[in-house]
N, C-alpha and C. Protein backbone atom coordinates (compact mmCIF):
# COMPACT_ATOMS: atom_id res chain seq x y z
N MET A 1 121.13 138.90 132.36
CA MET A 1 120.47 138.75 131.02
C MET A 1 120.37 137.81 130.50
N GLU A 2 119.19 137.79 129.61
CA GLU A 2 118.94 136.29 129.20
C GLU A 2 119.94 135.80 128.02
N GLU A 3 120.69 134.65 127.93
CA GLU A 3 121.15 134.17 126.91
C GLU A 3 120.21 133.69 125.46
N LYS A 4 121.27 134.17 124.68
CA LYS A 4 120.84 134.07 123.18
C LYS A 4 120.60 132.71 122.90
N PHE A 5 119.71 132.06 122.27
CA PHE A 5 120.14 130.76 121.64
C PHE A 5 120.06 130.61 119.82
N ALA A 6 120.74 130.25 118.96
CA ALA A 6 120.29 130.11 117.81
C ALA A 6 119.24 129.01 117.36
N LEU A 7 118.58 128.72 117.07
CA LEU A 7 117.16 128.04 116.68
C LEU A 7 117.54 126.90 116.05
N ASN A 8 118.32 127.47 114.50
CA ASN A 8 118.86 126.32 113.47
C ASN A 8 120.22 125.39 114.52
N GLU A 9 120.97 126.41 115.50
CA GLU A 9 121.81 125.44 115.97
C GLU A 9 121.23 124.60 117.06
N GLN A 10 120.23 124.56 117.52
CA GLN A 10 120.04 123.89 119.03
C GLN A 10 119.45 122.86 118.12
N THR A 11 118.45 123.15 117.10
CA THR A 11 117.40 122.01 116.12
C THR A 11 118.84 121.25 115.65
N LEU A 12 119.52 121.80 115.07
CA LEU A 12 120.88 120.84 114.57
C LEU A 12 121.61 119.88 115.66
N GLN A 13 121.44 120.55 116.74
CA GLN A 13 122.04 120.06 117.92
C GLN A 13 121.03 118.17 118.39
N PHE A 14 120.11 118.93 118.46
CA PHE A 14 119.05 117.99 118.49
C PHE A 14 119.18 116.81 117.79
N ILE A 15 118.96 117.26 116.35
CA ILE A 15 119.11 116.10 115.47
C ILE A 15 120.24 115.14 115.68
N ILE A 16 121.30 115.82 115.70
CA ILE A 16 122.72 115.11 115.87
C ILE A 16 122.49 113.92 116.95
N GLU A 17 121.91 114.37 118.05
CA GLU A 17 121.99 113.75 119.48
C GLU A 17 120.81 112.21 118.99
N PHE A 18 119.54 112.83 118.39
CA PHE A 18 118.49 111.78 118.29
C PHE A 18 118.63 111.08 117.26
N GLU A 19 119.45 111.19 116.37
CA GLU A 19 119.55 109.94 115.45
C GLU A 19 120.78 108.85 116.22
N LYS A 20 121.27 109.24 117.13
CA LYS A 20 121.96 108.33 117.76
C LYS A 20 121.48 107.35 117.98
N ASN A 21 120.40 107.37 118.79
CA ASN A 21 119.12 106.06 119.07
C ASN A 21 118.25 106.02 118.21
N ILE A 22 118.40 106.04 117.09
CA ILE A 22 117.35 105.93 116.04
C ILE A 22 117.96 104.71 115.32
N GLU A 23 117.40 103.58 115.07
CA GLU A 23 117.71 102.67 113.87
C GLU A 23 117.36 102.74 112.39
N PRO A 24 118.30 102.65 111.72
CA PRO A 24 118.33 102.81 109.92
C PRO A 24 116.59 102.39 109.54
N GLY A 25 115.94 103.25 108.95
CA GLY A 25 114.83 102.98 108.41
C GLY A 25 113.60 103.07 109.04
N LYS A 26 113.92 104.28 110.05
CA LYS A 26 112.86 104.33 110.87
C LYS A 26 112.24 105.68 110.40
N THR A 27 111.30 105.82 110.23
CA THR A 27 110.73 106.98 109.18
C THR A 27 109.69 108.23 110.65
N PHE A 28 109.88 109.80 110.12
CA PHE A 28 109.29 110.38 110.68
C PHE A 28 108.87 111.64 109.80
N THR A 29 107.65 112.21 110.13
CA THR A 29 107.24 113.70 109.55
C THR A 29 107.84 114.61 110.46
N THR A 30 108.00 115.83 109.44
CA THR A 30 108.69 116.85 110.17
C THR A 30 108.16 117.18 111.61
N GLN A 31 106.88 117.08 111.59
CA GLN A 31 106.23 117.23 112.48
C GLN A 31 106.25 116.60 113.93
N GLU A 32 106.45 115.31 113.57
CA GLU A 32 106.62 114.44 114.93
C GLU A 32 108.01 114.55 115.02
N LEU A 33 109.04 115.01 114.36
CA LEU A 33 110.35 115.56 114.96
C LEU A 33 110.35 116.82 115.83
N VAL A 34 109.32 117.56 115.16
CA VAL A 34 109.48 119.18 116.10
C VAL A 34 108.65 118.89 117.44
N ASP A 35 108.04 117.89 117.34
CA ASP A 35 107.01 117.82 118.75
C ASP A 35 108.08 117.14 119.49
N ILE A 36 109.11 116.15 119.25
CA ILE A 36 110.09 115.76 120.05
C ILE A 36 111.09 116.74 120.42
N PHE A 37 111.14 117.66 119.04
CA PHE A 37 112.04 118.54 119.97
C PHE A 37 111.71 119.75 120.80
N LYS A 38 110.47 119.89 121.34
CA LYS A 38 110.29 121.09 122.04
C LYS A 38 109.89 120.38 123.12
N VAL A 39 110.34 119.02 123.64
CA VAL A 39 110.15 118.47 124.65
C VAL A 39 111.56 118.12 125.00
N SER A 40 112.46 118.23 124.36
CA SER A 40 114.00 117.67 124.65
C SER A 40 114.49 119.14 125.47
N THR A 41 115.78 119.11 125.71
CA THR A 41 116.62 119.97 126.72
C THR A 41 117.32 120.97 125.73
N PHE A 42 117.12 120.56 124.58
CA PHE A 42 117.65 121.49 123.41
C PHE A 42 116.61 123.07 122.67
N TYR A 43 115.50 122.49 123.38
CA TYR A 43 114.13 123.79 123.21
C TYR A 43 114.62 124.69 124.18
N LYS A 44 114.19 126.05 123.98
CA LYS A 44 114.49 127.20 124.90
C LYS A 44 112.85 127.53 124.77
N LEU A 45 112.48 128.16 125.54
CA LEU A 45 110.84 128.78 125.76
C LEU A 45 111.34 130.03 124.97
N GLN A 46 112.59 130.67 124.72
CA GLN A 46 112.24 131.56 124.05
C GLN A 46 112.14 131.85 122.72
N PHE A 47 112.23 130.39 122.16
CA PHE A 47 112.20 130.18 120.70
C PHE A 47 110.55 130.71 120.51
N ASP A 48 109.86 130.57 121.36
CA ASP A 48 108.36 130.77 120.81
C ASP A 48 108.37 132.36 120.74
N SER A 49 108.74 133.19 120.87
CA SER A 49 108.85 134.54 120.40
C SER A 49 109.45 134.97 119.10
N TYR A 50 110.42 133.61 118.37
CA TYR A 50 110.93 133.64 117.13
C TYR A 50 110.50 133.90 116.20
N LYS A 51 110.92 134.44 115.16
CA LYS A 51 109.81 134.61 113.90
C LYS A 51 109.98 133.13 113.19
N LYS A 52 111.41 132.87 113.09
CA LYS A 52 111.68 131.69 112.11
C LYS A 52 111.02 130.43 113.29
N THR A 53 109.84 129.78 112.92
CA THR A 53 109.38 128.51 113.00
C THR A 53 110.42 127.14 113.50
N PRO A 54 110.38 126.33 114.57
CA PRO A 54 111.03 125.27 114.23
C PRO A 54 111.00 124.07 113.44
N ASN A 55 109.73 124.31 112.74
CA ASN A 55 109.57 123.14 111.66
C ASN A 55 110.65 124.00 110.47
N ASN A 56 110.60 124.82 110.01
CA ASN A 56 112.04 125.62 108.95
C ASN A 56 113.58 125.15 109.41
N SER A 57 113.31 125.07 110.68
CA SER A 57 114.76 124.81 111.32
C SER A 57 115.24 123.29 111.62
N MET A 58 114.06 122.28 111.40
CA MET A 58 113.95 121.02 111.42
C MET A 58 114.41 120.52 110.17
N TRP A 59 114.11 121.30 108.89
CA TRP A 59 114.20 120.78 107.54
C TRP A 59 115.91 121.19 107.68
N TYR A 60 116.40 122.31 108.08
CA TYR A 60 117.58 122.95 107.95
C TYR A 60 118.35 121.55 108.54
N ALA A 61 117.87 121.14 109.81
CA ALA A 61 118.74 120.29 110.81
C ALA A 61 118.77 118.80 109.98
N ILE A 62 117.85 118.59 109.59
CA ILE A 62 117.74 117.30 108.61
C ILE A 62 118.63 116.99 107.41
N ARG A 63 118.77 118.68 107.06
CA ARG A 63 119.72 118.52 105.39
C ARG A 63 121.00 118.42 106.10
N ARG A 64 121.40 119.13 106.97
CA ARG A 64 122.68 119.46 107.43
C ARG A 64 123.37 117.88 108.00
N SER A 65 122.32 117.45 108.39
CA SER A 65 123.01 116.15 109.20
C SER A 65 123.44 114.80 108.27
N GLU A 66 122.86 115.08 106.84
CA GLU A 66 123.20 114.28 105.82
C GLU A 66 122.67 112.59 106.04
N LYS A 67 121.95 112.67 107.36
CA LYS A 67 121.63 111.04 107.65
C LYS A 67 120.28 110.74 107.51
N TRP A 68 119.47 111.51 106.80
CA TRP A 68 118.07 111.37 106.42
C TRP A 68 117.64 111.25 105.10
N ILE A 69 116.49 110.48 104.60
CA ILE A 69 116.41 110.56 103.36
C ILE A 69 115.06 110.96 103.10
N LYS A 70 114.74 111.92 102.32
CA LYS A 70 113.33 112.56 101.83
C LYS A 70 112.28 111.45 101.59
N ILE A 71 111.37 110.94 102.03
CA ILE A 71 110.18 109.73 101.24
C ILE A 71 109.64 110.67 100.70
N LYS A 72 108.85 111.78 101.13
CA LYS A 72 108.02 112.70 100.25
C LYS A 72 107.81 114.45 101.41
N ASN A 73 107.12 114.90 100.89
CA ASN A 73 107.24 116.21 101.32
C ASN A 73 107.00 116.07 102.86
N GLY A 74 107.94 116.44 103.56
CA GLY A 74 107.17 116.46 104.92
C GLY A 74 107.64 115.00 106.15
N THR A 75 108.37 114.15 105.11
CA THR A 75 108.58 112.45 105.55
C THR A 75 109.84 112.33 105.36
N TYR A 76 110.80 111.84 106.39
CA TYR A 76 112.25 111.69 106.18
C TYR A 76 112.11 109.85 107.07
N MET A 77 113.36 109.47 106.16
CA MET A 77 113.55 108.25 106.74
C MET A 77 115.30 108.34 106.98
N LYS A 78 115.45 107.81 108.75
CA LYS A 78 117.12 107.83 108.87
C LYS A 78 117.77 106.88 108.12
N LYS A 79 118.95 106.93 107.71
CA LYS A 79 119.56 106.38 106.47
C LYS A 79 120.32 105.14 107.15
């Protein structure tokens, strides 16, 4: 049986790990972060069949991490 993964949880884990290697002041769009997430070990193929998209989950992860500042809609800077 295939293991179930929570998209929000995997995205949050990705952001927490990703931000460890990013210097403060670095800016990314949500789409850039999603593209990096999709090639990471945190992304699972089963996410392609989920109704919720990685873009929605990325916003969730950025907010939960509390280490990003919203510059404008869809653009965030690492604190």
